N, C-alpha and C. Protein backbone atom coordinates (compact mmCIF):
# COMPACT_ATOMS: atom_id res chain seq x y z
N MET A 1 4.32 -48.61 18.29
CA MET A 1 5.62 -48.23 18.26
C MET A 1 5.77 -47.32 16.74
N LYS A 2 5.24 -48.04 15.69
CA LYS A 2 4.88 -47.62 14.51
C LYS A 2 4.33 -46.49 14.36
N SER A 3 3.40 -46.70 14.64
CA SER A 3 2.20 -45.93 14.69
C SER A 3 2.73 -44.40 15.61
N ASP A 4 3.44 -44.54 16.65
CA ASP A 4 3.98 -43.51 17.22
C ASP A 4 5.13 -42.53 16.49
N ARG A 5 5.91 -43.80 15.84
CA ARG A 5 6.67 -42.82 14.70
C ARG A 5 6.34 -41.92 13.65
N ILE A 6 4.98 -42.64 13.18
CA ILE A 6 4.26 -41.54 12.06
C ILE A 6 3.85 -40.77 12.83
N SER A 7 3.51 -40.79 13.68
CA SER A 7 2.61 -39.69 14.45
C SER A 7 3.55 -38.68 14.62
N ASP A 8 4.97 -38.73 15.38
CA ASP A 8 5.61 -38.08 15.96
C ASP A 8 6.61 -37.26 14.61
N THR A 9 6.57 -37.97 13.29
CA THR A 9 6.40 -37.47 11.69
C THR A 9 5.68 -36.44 11.25
N ARG A 10 4.60 -37.27 11.31
CA ARG A 10 3.31 -35.89 11.25
C ARG A 10 3.08 -34.80 11.97
N ASN A 11 3.52 -34.76 13.12
CA ASN A 11 3.78 -33.56 14.01
C ASN A 11 4.61 -32.75 13.96
N GLU A 12 5.96 -33.34 13.25
CA GLU A 12 6.87 -32.56 13.14
C GLU A 12 6.53 -31.74 12.07
N GLU A 13 6.38 -32.38 11.07
CA GLU A 13 5.93 -31.61 9.60
C GLU A 13 4.63 -30.68 9.80
N HIS A 14 3.87 -30.90 10.53
CA HIS A 14 2.93 -29.86 10.67
C HIS A 14 3.74 -28.82 11.41
N THR A 15 4.49 -28.89 12.72
CA THR A 15 5.07 -27.97 13.20
C THR A 15 5.93 -26.91 12.26
N ARG A 16 6.58 -28.02 11.27
CA ARG A 16 7.56 -27.19 10.63
C ARG A 16 6.73 -26.37 9.15
N ALA A 17 5.66 -26.75 9.05
CA ALA A 17 4.61 -26.09 8.12
C ALA A 17 3.99 -24.94 8.49
N ARG A 18 3.83 -24.74 10.11
CA ARG A 18 3.47 -23.39 10.65
C ARG A 18 4.57 -22.68 10.62
N GLU A 19 5.61 -23.20 11.13
CA GLU A 19 7.10 -22.13 10.77
C GLU A 19 7.37 -21.44 9.77
N ARG A 20 7.17 -22.50 8.51
CA ARG A 20 7.10 -21.99 7.07
C ARG A 20 5.82 -20.89 6.99
N ALA A 21 4.96 -21.13 7.30
CA ALA A 21 3.87 -20.18 7.23
C ALA A 21 4.08 -18.75 7.58
N LEU A 22 4.64 -18.89 8.85
CA LEU A 22 5.08 -17.49 9.69
C LEU A 22 6.01 -16.75 8.90
N VAL A 23 6.99 -17.52 8.35
CA VAL A 23 8.43 -16.87 7.92
C VAL A 23 8.00 -16.11 6.67
N LEU A 24 6.77 -17.08 5.79
CA LEU A 24 6.64 -15.98 4.65
C LEU A 24 5.55 -15.29 4.67
N LEU A 25 4.71 -15.35 5.95
CA LEU A 25 4.04 -14.03 6.38
C LEU A 25 4.55 -12.74 6.72
N ASN A 26 5.74 -13.19 7.19
CA ASN A 26 6.89 -12.34 7.66
C ASN A 26 7.43 -11.12 6.50
N TYR A 27 7.41 -12.00 5.25
CA TYR A 27 8.15 -11.21 4.51
C TYR A 27 6.92 -10.38 3.49
N LYS A 28 5.96 -10.58 3.78
CA LYS A 28 4.44 -10.04 3.15
C LYS A 28 3.28 -10.49 3.54
N MET A 29 2.10 -9.61 3.07
CA MET A 29 0.76 -10.19 3.24
C MET A 29 0.46 -11.30 2.36
N ARG A 30 -0.26 -12.14 2.54
CA ARG A 30 -0.48 -13.33 1.51
C ARG A 30 -1.93 -13.45 1.22
N SER A 31 -2.38 -13.71 0.53
CA SER A 31 -3.72 -14.46 0.14
C SER A 31 -3.80 -15.77 0.88
N GLU A 32 -4.89 -16.53 0.92
CA GLU A 32 -5.00 -17.91 1.71
C GLU A 32 -4.45 -18.61 0.57
N SER A 33 -4.77 -18.47 -0.84
CA SER A 33 -4.28 -19.21 -1.56
C SER A 33 -2.82 -19.15 -2.24
N GLU A 34 -2.06 -18.11 -2.30
CA GLU A 34 -1.13 -17.63 -2.26
C GLU A 34 -0.13 -18.31 -1.39
N LEU A 35 -0.81 -18.23 0.07
CA LEU A 35 -0.16 -19.38 0.97
C LEU A 35 -0.23 -20.46 1.01
N ARG A 36 -1.18 -21.38 0.43
CA ARG A 36 -1.48 -22.82 0.06
C ARG A 36 -0.29 -23.05 -0.77
N ASP A 37 -0.23 -22.37 -1.92
CA ASP A 37 0.13 -22.54 -3.10
C ASP A 37 2.28 -22.79 -2.79
N LYS A 38 2.58 -21.75 -1.66
CA LYS A 38 4.02 -21.69 -1.53
C LYS A 38 4.27 -23.02 -0.51
N LEU A 39 3.34 -23.15 0.23
CA LEU A 39 3.30 -24.08 1.10
C LEU A 39 3.66 -25.71 0.47
N THR A 40 2.69 -25.79 -0.32
CA THR A 40 2.65 -26.90 -1.79
C THR A 40 3.68 -27.22 -2.00
N GLN A 41 4.59 -25.77 -2.70
CA GLN A 41 5.67 -26.10 -3.13
C GLN A 41 7.04 -26.26 -2.80
N ASN A 42 6.49 -25.73 -0.97
CA ASN A 42 7.61 -26.31 -0.60
C ASN A 42 7.72 -27.57 0.50
N GLY A 43 7.01 -28.47 -0.59
CA GLY A 43 6.73 -29.98 -0.11
C GLY A 43 5.74 -30.67 0.97
N PHE A 44 5.36 -29.42 1.13
CA PHE A 44 4.50 -30.30 2.61
C PHE A 44 2.91 -30.92 2.00
N SER A 45 3.10 -31.68 3.16
CA SER A 45 1.60 -32.45 2.69
C SER A 45 0.21 -31.76 2.74
N ALA A 46 -1.03 -31.86 2.02
CA ALA A 46 -2.19 -31.38 1.97
C ALA A 46 -2.43 -31.08 3.42
N GLU A 47 -2.45 -32.05 4.27
CA GLU A 47 -2.60 -32.18 5.61
C GLU A 47 -2.13 -31.24 6.04
N ALA A 48 -0.26 -31.36 5.99
CA ALA A 48 -0.04 -30.28 7.05
C ALA A 48 -0.10 -28.60 6.38
N VAL A 49 -0.23 -28.54 5.10
CA VAL A 49 -0.44 -27.37 4.36
C VAL A 49 -2.09 -26.60 5.08
N ASP A 50 -2.91 -27.51 5.32
CA ASP A 50 -4.44 -27.22 5.90
C ASP A 50 -4.13 -26.82 7.32
N ASP A 51 -3.60 -27.64 8.13
CA ASP A 51 -3.04 -27.17 9.88
C ASP A 51 -2.57 -25.91 9.96
N ALA A 52 -1.58 -26.05 8.79
CA ALA A 52 -0.47 -24.66 8.72
C ALA A 52 -1.53 -23.38 8.63
N LEU A 53 -2.73 -23.75 7.61
CA LEU A 53 -3.41 -22.36 7.31
C LEU A 53 -4.64 -22.07 8.58
N GLU A 54 -4.76 -23.26 8.72
CA GLU A 54 -5.89 -23.21 10.40
C GLU A 54 -5.20 -22.08 11.29
N TYR A 55 -4.07 -22.74 11.17
CA TYR A 55 -2.94 -22.01 12.31
C TYR A 55 -2.81 -20.31 12.50
N VAL A 56 -2.54 -20.29 11.26
CA VAL A 56 -2.10 -19.06 11.00
C VAL A 56 -3.57 -17.93 10.94
N LYS A 57 -4.18 -18.49 10.46
CA LYS A 57 -6.05 -18.03 10.19
C LYS A 57 -6.75 -17.46 11.88
N SER A 58 -6.10 -18.89 12.62
CA SER A 58 -6.72 -18.29 14.16
C SER A 58 -6.03 -17.27 14.88
N PHE A 59 -4.53 -16.66 14.12
CA PHE A 59 -4.45 -15.53 14.92
C PHE A 59 -4.64 -14.32 13.79
N GLY A 60 -5.33 -14.37 12.67
CA GLY A 60 -5.85 -13.21 11.93
C GLY A 60 -4.47 -12.84 10.97
N TYR A 61 -3.66 -13.75 10.86
CA TYR A 61 -2.47 -13.50 9.79
C TYR A 61 -2.77 -13.52 8.35
N VAL A 62 -3.89 -14.13 8.19
CA VAL A 62 -4.33 -14.57 6.79
C VAL A 62 -5.63 -14.01 6.60
N ASP A 63 -6.17 -13.29 5.88
CA ASP A 63 -7.48 -12.51 5.98
C ASP A 63 -8.12 -12.16 4.56
N ASP A 64 -8.58 -12.92 3.73
CA ASP A 64 -8.60 -12.62 2.36
C ASP A 64 -9.23 -11.37 2.18
N ALA A 65 -10.23 -11.03 3.07
CA ALA A 65 -11.13 -9.62 3.02
C ALA A 65 -10.18 -8.37 3.12
N ARG A 66 -9.43 -8.67 4.33
CA ARG A 66 -8.47 -7.58 4.66
C ARG A 66 -7.33 -7.33 3.82
N TYR A 67 -6.93 -8.42 3.14
CA TYR A 67 -5.70 -8.86 2.19
C TYR A 67 -6.09 -7.58 0.63
N VAL A 68 -7.49 -7.82 0.41
CA VAL A 68 -8.57 -7.11 -0.86
C VAL A 68 -8.39 -5.58 -0.18
N ARG A 69 -8.84 -5.32 0.85
CA ARG A 69 -8.85 -3.83 1.11
C ARG A 69 -7.83 -3.25 0.95
N GLU A 70 -6.57 -3.67 1.87
CA GLU A 70 -5.13 -3.04 1.96
C GLU A 70 -4.58 -3.09 -0.03
N TYR A 71 -4.82 -4.18 -0.64
CA TYR A 71 -4.29 -4.12 -1.53
C TYR A 71 -4.91 -3.20 -2.83
N ALA A 72 -6.19 -3.21 -2.56
CA ALA A 72 -6.94 -2.47 -3.44
C ALA A 72 -6.51 -0.84 -2.97
N ASP A 73 -6.28 -0.38 -1.49
CA ASP A 73 -6.12 0.64 -0.69
C ASP A 73 -4.66 1.33 -1.31
N THR A 74 -3.69 0.50 -1.49
CA THR A 74 -2.35 0.59 -1.86
C THR A 74 -1.93 0.71 -3.52
N VAL A 75 -2.35 -0.51 -3.77
CA VAL A 75 -2.28 -0.42 -5.50
C VAL A 75 -3.11 0.21 -6.22
N GLY A 76 -4.39 0.39 -5.65
CA GLY A 76 -5.44 1.31 -6.54
C GLY A 76 -4.96 2.81 -6.81
N LYS A 77 -3.88 2.97 -6.18
CA LYS A 77 -3.48 4.32 -6.02
C LYS A 77 -2.65 4.84 -7.11
N ARG A 78 -2.09 3.27 -7.89
CA ARG A 78 -1.21 3.73 -8.98
C ARG A 78 -1.97 2.95 -10.26
N ARG A 79 -3.06 2.05 -10.08
CA ARG A 79 -3.75 1.17 -10.89
C ARG A 79 -4.99 1.26 -11.31
N SER A 80 -5.52 1.27 -12.18
CA SER A 80 -7.39 1.02 -12.09
C SER A 80 -7.74 -0.16 -11.66
N ARG A 81 -9.27 0.25 -11.13
CA ARG A 81 -9.70 -0.92 -10.33
C ARG A 81 -10.18 -1.94 -11.18
N ASN A 82 -10.20 -2.32 -12.59
CA ASN A 82 -10.15 -3.55 -13.33
C ASN A 82 -8.76 -3.95 -13.35
N ARG A 83 -7.48 -3.49 -13.08
CA ARG A 83 -5.98 -3.86 -13.12
C ARG A 83 -6.22 -4.20 -11.93
N VAL A 84 -6.46 -3.69 -10.66
CA VAL A 84 -6.91 -4.21 -9.30
C VAL A 84 -7.49 -5.51 -9.39
N TYR A 85 -8.51 -5.70 -10.01
CA TYR A 85 -9.54 -6.91 -9.72
C TYR A 85 -9.02 -8.05 -10.63
N ALA A 86 -8.41 -7.84 -11.61
CA ALA A 86 -7.39 -8.74 -12.23
C ALA A 86 -6.33 -9.32 -11.43
N ASP A 87 -5.61 -8.52 -10.79
CA ASP A 87 -4.21 -8.79 -10.01
C ASP A 87 -4.84 -9.78 -9.26
N LEU A 88 -6.05 -9.51 -7.98
CA LEU A 88 -6.41 -10.26 -7.00
C LEU A 88 -6.69 -11.67 -7.83
N ILE A 89 -7.71 -11.63 -8.58
CA ILE A 89 -8.15 -12.87 -8.97
C ILE A 89 -6.41 -13.80 -9.25
N ARG A 90 -5.57 -13.45 -9.99
CA ARG A 90 -4.46 -13.90 -10.27
C ARG A 90 -4.49 -14.64 -8.97
N ARG A 91 -4.14 -13.75 -7.83
CA ARG A 91 -3.84 -14.00 -6.48
C ARG A 91 -4.78 -14.82 -5.84
N GLY A 92 -5.65 -15.52 -6.75
CA GLY A 92 -6.43 -16.86 -5.62
C GLY A 92 -7.79 -15.92 -5.00
N ILE A 93 -8.12 -14.80 -4.96
CA ILE A 93 -9.10 -14.11 -4.50
C ILE A 93 -10.31 -14.55 -4.89
N SER A 94 -11.61 -14.88 -4.33
CA SER A 94 -12.51 -15.56 -5.19
C SER A 94 -13.23 -14.11 -5.59
N LYS A 95 -13.84 -14.08 -7.14
CA LYS A 95 -14.69 -12.68 -7.51
C LYS A 95 -15.60 -12.35 -6.74
N ASP A 96 -16.83 -13.15 -5.85
CA ASP A 96 -17.56 -12.49 -5.18
C ASP A 96 -17.30 -11.82 -4.16
N LEU A 97 -15.71 -12.03 -3.41
CA LEU A 97 -15.49 -11.52 -2.25
C LEU A 97 -14.82 -10.12 -2.83
N ILE A 98 -14.36 -10.31 -3.72
CA ILE A 98 -13.55 -8.67 -4.56
C ILE A 98 -14.61 -8.15 -4.75
N GLU A 99 -15.62 -8.51 -5.47
CA GLU A 99 -16.84 -7.74 -5.80
C GLU A 99 -17.42 -7.15 -4.50
N GLU A 100 -17.67 -7.85 -3.43
CA GLU A 100 -18.40 -7.62 -2.32
C GLU A 100 -17.21 -6.19 -1.51
N ILE A 101 -16.17 -6.33 -1.63
CA ILE A 101 -15.37 -5.45 -0.91
C ILE A 101 -15.40 -3.75 -2.03
N PHE A 102 -15.47 -4.05 -3.09
CA PHE A 102 -15.41 -3.20 -3.68
C PHE A 102 -16.62 -2.48 -3.71
N ARG A 103 -17.80 -3.20 -3.44
CA ARG A 103 -19.12 -2.36 -3.25
C ARG A 103 -18.83 -2.01 -2.04
N GLU A 104 -18.51 -2.16 -0.85
CA GLU A 104 -18.28 -1.36 0.27
C GLU A 104 -17.42 -0.26 0.06
N MET A 105 -16.44 -0.45 -1.03
CA MET A 105 -15.64 0.95 -1.06
C MET A 105 -16.37 1.82 -1.72
N GLY A 106 -17.09 1.76 -2.55
CA GLY A 106 -18.03 2.68 -3.24
C GLY A 106 -17.11 2.70 -4.87
N GLU A 107 -18.13 3.48 -5.60
CA GLU A 107 -17.57 3.87 -7.29
C GLU A 107 -16.13 4.27 -6.89
N ALA A 108 -15.17 3.79 -7.50
CA ALA A 108 -13.91 4.98 -8.01
C ALA A 108 -14.35 5.65 -9.01
N ASP A 109 -13.64 7.11 -8.97
CA ASP A 109 -13.82 8.24 -10.18
C ASP A 109 -11.83 8.19 -10.16
N GLU A 110 -11.71 7.43 -11.14
CA GLU A 110 -10.38 7.14 -12.07
C GLU A 110 -9.58 8.41 -12.51
N THR A 111 -10.11 9.19 -12.67
CA THR A 111 -10.22 10.54 -13.59
C THR A 111 -8.96 11.18 -13.53
N GLU A 112 -8.42 11.48 -11.98
CA GLU A 112 -7.69 12.15 -11.40
C GLU A 112 -6.25 11.35 -11.58
N LEU A 113 -6.24 9.85 -11.49
CA LEU A 113 -5.26 8.94 -11.55
C LEU A 113 -5.19 8.69 -13.30
N ILE A 114 -6.09 8.46 -13.79
CA ILE A 114 -5.40 8.73 -15.40
C ILE A 114 -4.71 9.85 -15.67
N ARG A 115 -5.09 10.87 -15.18
CA ARG A 115 -4.40 12.25 -15.59
C ARG A 115 -3.03 12.09 -15.11
N LYS A 116 -2.68 11.75 -14.08
CA LYS A 116 -1.16 11.80 -13.50
C LYS A 116 -0.39 10.94 -14.21
N THR A 117 -1.35 9.53 -14.65
CA THR A 117 -0.62 8.88 -15.39
C THR A 117 -0.08 8.86 -16.85
N ALA A 118 -1.13 10.26 -17.35
CA ALA A 118 -0.95 10.14 -18.83
C ALA A 118 0.14 11.40 -18.56
N GLU A 119 -0.03 12.43 -17.70
CA GLU A 119 0.91 13.47 -17.51
C GLU A 119 2.51 13.21 -17.60
N LYS A 120 2.55 11.81 -16.64
CA LYS A 120 4.28 11.56 -16.31
C LYS A 120 4.10 10.75 -17.84
N LYS A 121 3.26 10.09 -18.37
CA LYS A 121 3.69 9.30 -19.89
C LYS A 121 4.25 10.52 -20.86
N MET A 122 3.46 11.56 -20.51
CA MET A 122 3.83 12.41 -22.16
C MET A 122 5.22 13.10 -22.11
N LYS A 123 5.59 12.95 -20.96
CA LYS A 123 7.36 13.39 -20.83
C LYS A 123 8.10 12.58 -21.98
N THR A 124 7.24 11.29 -22.24
CA THR A 124 8.09 10.70 -23.23
C THR A 124 7.35 10.50 -24.50
N ILE A 125 5.95 11.24 -24.55
CA ILE A 125 5.09 11.08 -26.12
C ILE A 125 4.41 12.90 -26.04
N ASP A 126 4.72 12.97 -27.09
CA ASP A 126 4.06 14.29 -27.75
C ASP A 126 2.89 13.79 -28.20
N ILE A 127 1.67 14.46 -27.45
CA ILE A 127 0.14 14.15 -28.31
C ILE A 127 -0.35 14.96 -29.31
N SER A 128 0.54 15.90 -29.80
CA SER A 128 0.06 16.73 -30.16
C SER A 128 -0.44 16.29 -32.11
N ASP A 129 -0.17 14.98 -32.16
CA ASP A 129 -0.53 14.38 -33.07
C ASP A 129 -1.20 13.18 -32.85
N TYR A 130 -1.60 12.99 -34.02
CA TYR A 130 -2.50 11.20 -33.57
C TYR A 130 -1.49 10.18 -33.49
N SER A 131 -0.47 10.19 -33.78
CA SER A 131 0.29 8.65 -33.34
C SER A 131 0.56 9.18 -31.95
N GLY A 132 0.79 10.08 -31.79
CA GLY A 132 1.31 10.37 -29.88
C GLY A 132 -0.16 10.27 -29.06
N ARG A 133 -1.23 10.66 -29.89
CA ARG A 133 -2.63 10.37 -28.93
C ARG A 133 -2.62 8.99 -28.53
N ARG A 134 -2.02 8.27 -30.38
CA ARG A 134 -2.89 6.88 -29.86
C ARG A 134 -2.14 5.93 -29.24
N LYS A 135 -0.22 6.30 -29.15
CA LYS A 135 0.18 5.56 -28.13
C LYS A 135 0.30 5.78 -26.61
N LEU A 136 -0.49 6.96 -26.53
CA LEU A 136 -0.88 7.29 -25.08
C LEU A 136 -2.16 6.47 -24.68
N THR A 137 -2.69 6.79 -25.39
CA THR A 137 -4.15 6.14 -25.14
C THR A 137 -4.17 4.29 -25.16
N ALA A 138 -3.23 3.95 -26.11
CA ALA A 138 -3.20 2.41 -25.57
C ALA A 138 -2.40 2.17 -24.59
N TYR A 139 -1.35 3.09 -24.30
CA TYR A 139 -0.46 2.68 -22.45
C TYR A 139 -1.73 2.75 -21.63
N LEU A 140 -2.68 3.83 -21.44
CA LEU A 140 -3.53 3.90 -20.64
C LEU A 140 -4.78 2.69 -20.50
N CYS A 141 -4.97 2.41 -21.92
CA CYS A 141 -5.72 1.08 -21.88
C CYS A 141 -4.99 -0.22 -21.22
N GLY A 142 -3.63 0.11 -21.53
CA GLY A 142 -3.11 -1.65 -20.74
C GLY A 142 -2.90 -1.23 -19.20
N LYS A 143 -3.43 0.06 -18.70
CA LYS A 143 -2.87 -0.18 -17.44
C LYS A 143 -4.37 -0.12 -16.72
N GLY A 144 -5.55 -0.57 -17.83
CA GLY A 144 -6.58 -0.97 -17.28
C GLY A 144 -7.86 0.16 -17.10
N PHE A 145 -7.52 1.12 -17.49
CA PHE A 145 -8.60 2.29 -17.50
C PHE A 145 -9.28 2.05 -18.57
N GLN A 146 -10.83 2.62 -18.27
CA GLN A 146 -12.00 2.30 -19.45
C GLN A 146 -11.43 3.66 -20.25
N MET A 147 -11.93 3.33 -21.87
CA MET A 147 -11.75 3.94 -22.99
C MET A 147 -12.26 5.43 -22.87
N ASN A 148 -13.72 5.27 -22.18
CA ASN A 148 -14.25 6.91 -22.30
C ASN A 148 -13.65 7.83 -21.21
N GLN A 149 -13.22 7.45 -20.08
CA GLN A 149 -12.67 8.07 -19.34
C GLN A 149 -11.25 8.64 -19.86
N ILE A 150 -10.70 7.75 -20.37
CA ILE A 150 -9.12 7.98 -20.94
C ILE A 150 -8.94 9.18 -22.09
N LEU A 151 -10.23 8.76 -23.17
CA LEU A 151 -10.72 9.95 -24.00
C LEU A 151 -10.48 10.96 -23.53
N ARG A 152 -11.76 11.20 -22.44
CA ARG A 152 -12.37 12.56 -21.77
C ARG A 152 -10.90 13.38 -21.41
N VAL A 153 -9.93 12.56 -20.62
CA VAL A 153 -9.13 13.03 -20.07
C VAL A 153 -7.76 13.74 -21.17
N ILE A 154 -7.76 12.66 -22.21
CA ILE A 154 -6.89 13.06 -23.41
C ILE A 154 -7.35 14.69 -23.85
N ASP A 155 -8.85 14.68 -24.08
CA ASP A 155 -9.19 15.82 -24.81
C ASP A 155 -8.91 17.15 -23.78
N GLU A 156 -9.14 16.67 -22.67
CA GLU A 156 -8.75 17.93 -21.42
C GLU A 156 -7.48 18.61 -21.82
N LEU A 157 -6.70 17.11 -21.41
CA LEU A 157 -5.12 17.82 -22.01
C LEU A 157 -4.33 18.34 -22.94
N LEU A 158 -5.23 17.87 -24.07
CA LEU A 158 -5.10 18.89 -25.58
C LEU A 158 -5.25 20.32 -25.33
N ARG A 159 -6.70 20.41 -24.66
CA ARG A 159 -7.05 21.66 -24.54
C ARG A 159 -6.43 22.62 -23.79
N GLU A 160 -5.83 22.21 -22.75
CA GLU A 160 -4.79 22.57 -22.30
C GLU A 160 -3.19 22.90 -22.53
N GLN A 161 -3.37 22.78 -23.62
CA GLN A 161 -1.74 22.43 -24.39
C GLN A 161 -1.76 24.06 -25.22
């Protein structure tokens, strides 16, 4: 009797964890680590969380490799690859997986992205003086771009003015 109630309670928790996982994935795509954290924060036991993760993974709703590709494709249009890499690490994706996917995607030439970002920022910063160039450089560094590429783009923009 008592074991039946415990079993029923466990099954009920697993069902609720599965349903909650599906609701969370309905809002946005999540990495396995993000989903695990959310379900744990919602008070589910480790066993129920593991069961829910296996359940959603069995349908392909959680796939960290796909998550990395889609995130890099989407966010990579606005941010440097270094920034995307750091964001993915914060989302619980393994370094090895990120590096593998980035190798598959090939080297990224971020010159055009730096140029677009710089031109947009130049609406509020005058780069004709040293102070403005320093501000723009710091802004672009904060976006995760590499210094050599930033300086090359700023030199081009100065020549065009």
